[in-house]
Amino acid sequence: MKKVLCSMLVVVVMCLAAPAYSAEVTQVWFCEMEDAVTEKAIIDGVGEWLKAARQMEGGENLEASVLFPVAVATGEFDVMIVFVAPSFQEWGQFWDGYEGSPAAILENEHYDMMICPDSALWESVKVKVK
């Protein structure tokens, strides 16, 4: 619950401070996989969550990636889950309706797969070459 409230507060602050140009929102979760969990299970779980999230207002255009380290000193995590929304407005709409949603229920069901104690919210601006 605290995690969701903190995320929602960050979204509100970022929406108020967002610049006028178009920027995506990228949230990166730093996770530790449980020992018996496979990479395929993580990918499938994120896919289930994304399908549920896309049914929510503001979540229709969410994208997700799962990053597994190859040659990286990761420290305390061994997988990164990345979610991208096309705007702070859509991200805020999504989080406004998150509590009790099918996506939130799936998140709780997948707690036995991995622990994700830390995340970071980024403003992503795509670089265009002329």
C-alpha atoms as a PDB file:
ATOM      1  CA  MET A   1       0.000   0.000   0.000  1.00  0.00           C
ATOM      2  CA  LYS A   2       2.818   2.394   0.887  1.00  0.00           C
ATOM      3  CA  LYS A   3       4.487   1.554  -2.417  1.00  0.00           C
ATOM      4  CA  VAL A   4       1.353   2.448  -4.354  1.00  0.00           C
ATOM      5  CA  LEU A   5       0.803   5.704  -2.417  1.00  0.00           C
ATOM      6  CA  CYS A   6       4.435   6.730  -2.944  1.00  0.00           C
ATOM      7  CA  SER A   7       4.179   5.982  -6.655  1.00  0.00           C
ATOM      8  CA  MET A   8       0.982   7.984  -6.899  1.00  0.00           C
ATOM      9  CA  LEU A   9       2.587  10.967  -5.124  1.00  0.00           C
ATOM     10  CA  VAL A  10       5.553  10.860  -7.500  1.00  0.00           C
ATOM     11  CA  VAL A  11       3.180  10.788 -10.469  1.00  0.00           C
ATOM     12  CA  VAL A  12       1.253  13.811  -9.213  1.00  0.00           C
ATOM     13  CA  VAL A  13       4.446  15.794  -8.647  1.00  0.00           C
ATOM     14  CA  MET A  14       5.826  14.812 -12.059  1.00  0.00           C
ATOM     15  CA  CYS A  15       2.562  15.766 -13.777  1.00  0.00           C
ATOM     16  CA  LEU A  16       2.762  19.225 -12.251  1.00  0.00           C
ATOM     17  CA  ALA A  17       6.409  19.617 -13.172  1.00  0.00           C
ATOM     18  CA  ALA A  18       6.292  18.017 -16.626  1.00  0.00           C
ATOM     19  CA  PRO A  19       7.733  20.159 -19.386  1.00  0.00           C
ATOM     20  CA  ALA A  20       5.731  21.262 -22.419  1.00  0.00           C
ATOM     21  CA  TYR A  21       7.454  18.915 -24.870  1.00  0.00           C
ATOM     22  CA  SER A  22       6.295  15.345 -25.352  1.00  0.00           C
ATOM     23  CA  ALA A  23       7.964  12.896 -23.004  1.00  0.00           C
ATOM     24  CA  GLU A  24       7.281   9.313 -22.075  1.00  0.00           C
ATOM     25  CA  VAL A  25       7.210   8.034 -18.524  1.00  0.00           C
ATOM     26  CA  THR A  26       9.462   5.096 -17.723  1.00  0.00           C
ATOM     27  CA  GLN A  27       9.252   3.232 -14.433  1.00  0.00           C
ATOM     28  CA  VAL A  28      12.000   0.731 -13.691  1.00  0.00           C
ATOM     29  CA  TRP A  29      11.528  -1.859 -10.931  1.00  0.00           C
ATOM     30  CA  PHE A  30      14.687  -3.491  -9.533  1.00  0.00           C
ATOM     31  CA  CYS A  31      13.774  -7.040  -8.532  1.00  0.00           C
ATOM     32  CA  GLU A  32      15.202 -10.192  -7.022  1.00  0.00           C
ATOM     33  CA  MET A  33      13.879 -13.453  -8.466  1.00  0.00           C
ATOM     34  CA  GLU A  34      13.005 -16.246  -6.066  1.00  0.00           C
ATOM     35  CA  ASP A  35      15.325 -19.248  -6.502  1.00  0.00           C
ATOM     36  CA  ALA A  36      12.916 -21.674  -8.187  1.00  0.00           C
ATOM     37  CA  VAL A  37      11.445 -19.098 -10.606  1.00  0.00           C
ATOM     38  CA  THR A  38      12.440 -19.195 -14.279  1.00  0.00           C
ATOM     39  CA  GLU A  39      12.942 -16.277 -16.648  1.00  0.00           C
ATOM     40  CA  LYS A  40       9.982 -17.557 -18.683  1.00  0.00           C
ATOM     41  CA  ALA A  41       7.755 -17.420 -15.590  1.00  0.00           C
ATOM     42  CA  ILE A  42       8.782 -13.788 -15.014  1.00  0.00           C
ATOM     43  CA  ILE A  43       8.092 -12.866 -18.646  1.00  0.00           C
ATOM     44  CA  ASP A  44       4.716 -14.643 -18.548  1.00  0.00           C
ATOM     45  CA  GLY A  45       3.778 -12.923 -15.287  1.00  0.00           C
ATOM     46  CA  VAL A  46       4.659  -9.483 -16.630  1.00  0.00           C
ATOM     47  CA  GLY A  47       2.656 -10.295 -19.766  1.00  0.00           C
ATOM     48  CA  GLU A  48      -0.411 -11.198 -17.673  1.00  0.00           C
ATOM     49  CA  TRP A  49      -0.036  -7.978 -15.691  1.00  0.00           C
ATOM     50  CA  LEU A  50       0.355  -5.893 -18.857  1.00  0.00           C
ATOM     51  CA  LYS A  51      -2.772  -7.432 -20.375  1.00  0.00           C
ATOM     52  CA  ALA A  52      -4.763  -6.483 -17.255  1.00  0.00           C
ATOM     53  CA  ALA A  53      -3.162  -3.021 -17.085  1.00  0.00           C
ATOM     54  CA  ARG A  54      -4.097  -2.258 -20.699  1.00  0.00           C
ATOM     55  CA  GLN A  55      -7.776  -2.711 -19.784  1.00  0.00           C
ATOM     56  CA  MET A  56      -7.584   0.246 -17.388  1.00  0.00           C
ATOM     57  CA  GLU A  57      -8.062   3.921 -18.122  1.00  0.00           C
ATOM     58  CA  GLY A  58      -4.639   5.373 -18.873  1.00  0.00           C
ATOM     59  CA  GLY A  59      -3.118   1.920 -19.344  1.00  0.00           C
ATOM     60  CA  GLU A  60      -4.240   1.290 -22.918  1.00  0.00           C
ATOM     61  CA  ASN A  61      -0.834   2.258 -24.346  1.00  0.00           C
ATOM     62  CA  LEU A  62       1.470   0.867 -21.655  1.00  0.00           C
ATOM     63  CA  GLU A  63       4.499  -1.085 -22.795  1.00  0.00           C
ATOM     64  CA  ALA A  64       6.632  -3.473 -20.766  1.00  0.00           C
ATOM     65  CA  SER A  65      10.099  -4.983 -20.957  1.00  0.00           C
ATOM     66  CA  VAL A  66      11.958  -7.448 -18.788  1.00  0.00           C
ATOM     67  CA  LEU A  67      15.724  -6.959 -18.585  1.00  0.00           C
ATOM     68  CA  PHE A  68      17.925  -9.877 -17.534  1.00  0.00           C
ATOM     69  CA  PRO A  69      21.608  -9.099 -16.936  1.00  0.00           C
ATOM     70  CA  VAL A  70      24.221 -10.498 -19.272  1.00  0.00           C
ATOM     71  CA  ALA A  71      27.408  -8.623 -18.399  1.00  0.00           C
ATOM     72  CA  VAL A  72      26.355  -6.216 -15.666  1.00  0.00           C
ATOM     73  CA  ALA A  73      27.249  -5.700 -12.017  1.00  0.00           C
ATOM     74  CA  THR A  74      23.678  -5.603 -10.700  1.00  0.00           C
ATOM     75  CA  GLY A  75      24.295  -5.543  -6.970  1.00  0.00           C
ATOM     76  CA  GLU A  76      21.173  -6.536  -5.060  1.00  0.00           C
ATOM     77  CA  PHE A  77      18.852  -7.251  -7.999  1.00  0.00           C
ATOM     78  CA  ASP A  78      18.843  -9.780 -10.805  1.00  0.00           C
ATOM     79  CA  VAL A  79      16.031  -8.581 -13.074  1.00  0.00           C
ATOM     80  CA  MET A  80      14.586  -5.205 -14.056  1.00  0.00           C
ATOM     81  CA  ILE A  81      10.953  -4.737 -15.029  1.00  0.00           C
ATOM     82  CA  VAL A  82      10.386  -1.635 -17.183  1.00  0.00           C
ATOM     83  CA  PHE A  83       6.999  -0.032 -17.848  1.00  0.00           C
ATOM     84  CA  VAL A  84       6.580   2.856 -20.300  1.00  0.00           C
ATOM     85  CA  ALA A  85       3.572   5.154 -20.727  1.00  0.00           C
ATOM     86  CA  PRO A  86       3.342   7.692 -23.563  1.00  0.00           C
ATOM     87  CA  SER A  87       2.658  10.629 -21.219  1.00  0.00           C
ATOM     88  CA  PHE A  88       2.468  11.710 -17.608  1.00  0.00           C
ATOM     89  CA  GLN A  89      -1.256  12.266 -18.075  1.00  0.00           C
ATOM     90  CA  GLU A  90      -1.844   8.618 -19.047  1.00  0.00           C
ATOM     91  CA  TRP A  91       0.488   7.402 -16.285  1.00  0.00           C
ATOM     92  CA  GLY A  92      -1.448   9.447 -13.726  1.00  0.00           C
ATOM     93  CA  GLN A  93      -4.815   8.194 -14.979  1.00  0.00           C
ATOM     94  CA  PHE A  94      -3.517   4.636 -14.739  1.00  0.00           C
ATOM     95  CA  TRP A  95      -2.284   4.989 -11.144  1.00  0.00           C
ATOM     96  CA  ASP A  96      -5.449   6.814 -10.069  1.00  0.00           C
ATOM     97  CA  GLY A  97      -7.413   3.628 -10.754  1.00  0.00           C
ATOM     98  CA  TYR A  98      -4.773   1.075  -9.747  1.00  0.00           C
ATOM     99  CA  GLU A  99      -5.803   0.155  -6.216  1.00  0.00           C
ATOM    100  CA  GLY A 100      -8.131  -2.851  -6.311  1.00  0.00           C
ATOM    101  CA  SER A 101      -7.800  -3.211 -10.108  1.00  0.00           C
ATOM    102  CA  PRO A 102      -7.190  -6.563 -11.864  1.00  0.00           C
ATOM    103  CA  ALA A 103      -3.567  -5.470 -12.418  1.00  0.00           C
ATOM    104  CA  ALA A 104      -3.111  -4.803  -8.687  1.00  0.00           C
ATOM    105  CA  ILE A 105      -4.612  -8.199  -7.870  1.00  0.00           C
ATOM    106  CA  LEU A 106      -2.181  -9.894 -10.288  1.00  0.00           C
ATOM    107  CA  GLU A 107       0.718  -7.981  -8.734  1.00  0.00           C
ATOM    108  CA  ASN A 108      -0.224  -9.430  -5.335  1.00  0.00           C
ATOM    109  CA  GLU A 109      -0.560 -12.935  -6.805  1.00  0.00           C
ATOM    110  CA  HIS A 110       2.983 -12.743  -8.245  1.00  0.00           C
ATOM    111  CA  TYR A 111       4.698 -11.764  -4.983  1.00  0.00           C
ATOM    112  CA  ASP A 112       5.976 -15.349  -4.702  1.00  0.00           C
ATOM    113  CA  MET A 113       7.929 -14.974  -7.975  1.00  0.00           C
ATOM    114  CA  MET A 114      10.102 -11.992  -7.170  1.00  0.00           C
ATOM    115  CA  ILE A 115      10.647  -9.178  -4.714  1.00  0.00           C
ATOM    116  CA  CYS A 116      10.815  -5.646  -6.137  1.00  0.00           C
ATOM    117  CA  PRO A 117      11.701  -3.318  -3.265  1.00  0.00           C
ATOM    118  CA  ASP A 118      12.981  -0.403  -5.348  1.00  0.00           C
ATOM    119  CA  SER A 119      11.863   1.512  -8.407  1.00  0.00           C
ATOM    120  CA  ALA A 120      12.743   4.689 -10.236  1.00  0.00           C
ATOM    121  CA  LEU A 121      10.512   6.931 -12.323  1.00  0.00           C
ATOM    122  CA  TRP A 122      12.112   8.533 -15.370  1.00  0.00           C
ATOM    123  CA  GLU A 123      11.095  11.090 -17.938  1.00  0.00           C
ATOM    124  CA  SER A 124      12.106   9.583 -21.286  1.00  0.00           C
ATOM    125  CA  VAL A 125      12.606  11.759 -24.341  1.00  0.00           C
ATOM    126  CA  LYS A 126      13.190   9.963 -27.646  1.00  0.00           C
ATOM    127  CA  VAL A 127      16.038  11.429 -29.650  1.00  0.00           C
ATOM    128  CA  LYS A 128      15.179  12.059 -33.268  1.00  0.00           C
ATOM    129  CA  VAL A 129      17.883  12.282 -35.898  1.00  0.00           C
ATOM    130  CA  LYS A 130      17.223  14.745 -38.715  1.00  0.00           C
END
